[in-house]
Protein backbone atom coordinates (compact mmCIF):
# COMPACT_ATOMS: atom_id res chain seq x y z
CA MET A 1 6.85 133.19 161.06
CA LYS A 2 7.84 130.00 159.28
CA ALA A 3 5.31 128.80 156.69
CA LEU A 4 3.72 125.47 157.49
CA ALA A 5 3.28 122.77 154.87
CA ARG A 6 -0.32 121.91 153.96
CA GLU A 7 0.33 118.37 155.19
CA LEU A 8 1.67 117.39 158.60
CA SER A 9 3.33 114.01 159.22
CA ILE A 10 4.10 112.61 162.66
CA MET A 11 5.73 109.20 163.09
CA VAL A 12 4.69 107.13 166.12
CA GLY A 13 5.26 103.65 167.48
CA VAL A 14 2.14 101.69 168.40
CA LEU A 15 1.60 99.52 171.48
CA ALA A 16 -1.10 96.87 171.73
CA GLU A 17 -2.03 94.21 174.24
CA ARG A 18 -3.13 90.65 173.78
CA ARG A 19 -5.48 89.97 176.68
CA LYS A 20 -6.82 86.67 177.87
CA SER A 21 -10.52 86.45 177.11
CA VAL A 22 -13.08 85.61 179.77
CA SER A 23 -15.45 84.40 177.06
CA ARG A 24 -15.59 80.75 176.09
CA TRP A 25 -15.89 81.82 172.43
CA ALA A 26 -12.38 83.28 172.18
CA THR A 27 -9.03 82.56 173.80
CA ASP A 28 -7.73 86.12 173.59
CA TYR A 29 -8.36 89.54 172.10
CA TRP A 30 -6.15 92.40 170.92
CA ILE A 31 -6.48 96.06 171.83
CA PRO A 32 -4.29 99.09 170.99
CA VAL A 33 -3.28 100.86 174.21
CA GLY A 34 -0.90 103.68 173.31
CA VAL A 35 1.76 105.27 171.15
CA THR A 36 5.46 105.92 171.73
CA PRO A 37 8.12 107.91 169.92
CA ALA A 38 8.70 106.19 166.57
CA PHE A 39 12.40 105.68 166.99
CA SER A 40 12.48 103.97 170.37
CA GLY A 41 14.83 101.14 169.35
CA LEU A 42 12.05 98.54 169.50
CA ALA A 43 11.36 95.91 166.84
CA VAL A 44 7.95 94.72 165.70
CA GLY A 45 6.76 91.99 168.06
CA ASP A 46 8.98 92.99 171.01
CA VAL A 47 7.29 92.12 174.30
CA LEU A 48 7.23 95.05 176.73
CA LEU A 49 5.16 93.50 179.51
CA SER A 50 3.83 90.04 180.18
CA ASP A 51 1.87 88.12 182.81
CA GLU A 52 -0.70 85.31 182.74
CA ASN A 53 -3.52 87.65 181.52
CA VAL A 54 -1.84 90.36 179.41
CA THR A 55 1.05 90.66 176.98
CA ARG A 56 1.97 94.11 175.66
CA TYR A 57 3.67 94.26 172.25
CA PHE A 58 5.39 96.88 170.15
CA MET A 59 3.29 96.65 166.96
CA GLY A 60 5.42 98.82 164.69
CA VAL A 61 5.70 102.35 163.39
CA ALA A 62 2.92 104.33 161.71
CA GLU A 63 2.55 107.80 160.24
CA ILE A 64 -0.15 110.22 161.37
CA SER A 65 -0.97 112.42 158.37
CA CYS A 66 -2.95 115.62 158.82
CA HIS A 67 -4.16 117.56 155.78
CA ALA A 68 -5.08 121.25 155.66
CA ALA A 69 -8.34 120.45 153.84
CA GLU A 70 -9.50 118.18 156.69
CA THR A 71 -9.16 120.52 159.65
CA GLU A 72 -12.88 120.31 160.48
CA ALA A 73 -12.34 116.68 161.57
CA TYR A 74 -9.44 117.64 163.88
CA VAL A 75 -11.49 120.48 165.39
CA HIS A 76 -14.27 117.95 166.07
CA ASN A 77 -11.70 115.72 167.80
CA PHE A 78 -10.37 118.59 169.96
CA ASN A 79 -13.91 119.62 170.90
CA SER A 80 -14.59 116.14 172.31
CA GLN A 81 -14.11 115.46 175.99
CA ALA A 82 -10.56 114.14 175.48
CA PRO A 83 -8.62 114.48 172.20
CA ALA A 84 -7.66 111.08 170.84
CA LEU A 85 -5.73 109.19 168.23
CA PHE A 86 -7.46 106.33 166.47
CA VAL A 87 -5.36 103.20 165.95
CA VAL A 88 -6.41 100.70 163.30
CA LEU A 89 -5.10 97.13 163.51
CA ARG A 90 -5.65 94.78 160.59
CA ARG A 91 -5.32 91.00 160.56
CA THR A 92 -2.01 89.78 159.12
CA VAL A 93 -2.50 87.66 155.99
CA ASP A 94 1.11 86.74 155.20
CA ASP A 95 4.26 85.62 157.01
CA ARG A 96 6.04 88.99 156.80
CA HIS A 97 4.68 90.12 160.18
CA PRO A 98 5.46 88.21 163.41
CA LEU A 99 2.08 88.95 165.03
CA PRO A 100 -1.48 88.05 163.98
CA TRP A 101 -2.37 91.77 163.76
CA HIS A 102 -0.39 94.69 162.31
CA VAL A 103 -0.73 98.47 162.41
CA HIS A 104 -2.69 99.58 159.38
CA SER A 105 -3.24 103.23 160.29
CA VAL A 106 -3.11 105.87 163.01
CA THR A 107 -5.20 109.00 162.54
CA ALA A 108 -6.33 112.07 164.46
CA SER A 109 -9.48 112.28 162.34
CA PRO A 110 -12.63 110.75 163.84
CA TYR A 111 -14.17 110.90 160.35
CA GLN A 112 -11.43 108.71 158.89
CA ALA A 113 -11.67 106.32 161.85
CA GLN A 114 -15.39 105.97 161.17
CA ASP A 115 -14.62 105.05 157.55
CA PHE A 116 -12.41 102.18 158.77
CA GLU A 117 -15.27 100.88 160.93
CA ASP A 118 -17.40 100.23 157.84
CA SER A 119 -15.60 96.98 156.98
CA GLY A 120 -16.05 95.40 160.41
CA GLU A 121 -12.79 93.49 159.90
CA ASP A 122 -10.37 95.86 161.63
CA ILE A 123 -9.75 96.62 165.28
CA ILE A 124 -10.21 100.37 165.79
CA GLU A 125 -9.44 101.84 169.18
CA ARG A 126 -9.51 105.37 170.51
CA ILE A 127 -6.42 106.11 172.62
CA ALA A 128 -5.39 109.23 174.51
CA MET A 129 -3.50 111.74 172.38
CA PRO A 130 -0.07 112.53 173.91
CA ALA A 131 0.36 116.21 174.85
CA ASP A 132 3.23 116.87 172.40
CA ILE A 133 1.25 115.46 169.46
CA GLU A 134 -1.82 117.41 170.56
CA ALA A 135 0.17 120.66 170.62
CA THR A 136 1.65 120.00 167.16
CA ILE A 137 -1.74 119.21 165.57
CA LYS A 138 -3.40 122.19 167.29
CA ASP A 139 -0.76 124.52 165.82
CA PHE A 140 -1.43 123.02 162.39
CA VAL A 141 -5.21 123.41 162.79
CA ASN A 142 -4.90 126.98 164.10
CA HIS A 143 -2.87 127.88 161.03
CA TYR A 144 -5.18 126.32 158.40
CA HIS A 145 -8.69 126.02 159.80
CA ARG A 146 -11.30 128.49 158.57
CA GLU A 147 -14.90 128.29 159.77
CA GLU A 148 -17.27 128.19 156.84
CA GLU A 149 -20.43 130.22 157.12
CA PHE A 150 -23.60 128.22 156.46
CA ARG A 151 -25.33 129.41 153.33
CA LYS A 152 -28.75 128.17 152.43
CA ARG A 153 -28.86 127.13 148.81
CA ARG A 154 -31.50 128.81 146.67
CA ARG A 155 -33.53 126.50 144.51
CA ASP A 156 -33.52 126.89 140.78
CA ARG A 157 -36.67 128.49 139.47
CA VAL A 158 -38.72 125.95 137.55
CA ASP A 159 -41.47 126.87 135.11
CA VAL A 160 -44.31 124.60 136.24
CA GLU A 161 -45.99 124.63 132.82
CA ASP A 162 -42.86 123.14 131.24
CA GLN A 163 -43.18 120.13 133.50
CA LYS A 164 -45.38 117.72 131.48
CA PHE A 165 -44.86 114.57 133.54
CA GLY A 166 -48.01 113.77 135.47
CA LYS A 167 -50.12 116.36 133.62
CA GLU A 168 -51.76 113.96 131.18
CA PRO A 169 -54.58 111.72 132.46
CA ILE A 170 -53.69 108.05 132.76
CA PHE A 171 -56.92 106.73 131.24
CA VAL A 172 -57.86 108.46 128.01
CA ASP A 173 -59.84 107.39 125.00
CA ARG A 174 -57.18 106.45 122.52
CA GLN A 175 -57.67 105.53 118.91
CA LYS A 176 -56.32 102.31 117.43
CA PRO A 177 -54.08 102.93 114.45
CA GLY A 178 -56.90 101.58 112.21
CA GLY A 179 -59.46 104.04 113.59
CA GLY A 180 -61.12 101.91 116.34
CA LYS A 181 -61.11 102.70 120.04
CA LEU A 182 -58.82 101.01 122.55
CA ASP A 183 -60.41 99.81 125.76
CA GLY A 184 -59.10 101.84 128.58
């Protein structure tokens, strides 16, 4: 059997749609809708489909990285109703990208996707995981994942008498440095 590397990389192309909004507060919104093979001959910004309500774009290429130390997250993903990839689009801030959003990340880890949601600035969408990618990641997980047995941690033994905080009364008769009593 061939030894697997502790890191798995899969290159994918990302598809997203700009949809006409029905809200009066926005003219359109963007949503990732799928992945393709990375080397499909498409360029960033190529239009794949267009009508009066929807335009589908090729957003670019991204790398899915899976790490042997993070297999618990992938197992969680596979135990969900439908395994998914999580696509993260980030607003473009310079003129190097032809679209207002670009692919920032694609991950199979729901934990990592949740971390991206913390900023509130990105578009994060769960999309169906293609069968070939699912099979590749499952092989990786099956090779590296080890269930960890739950072990209850034992507390350190503390000598209660050594703990002085809270043992002294708050109001005590104290002597002034010159011999008189303090009010207390």
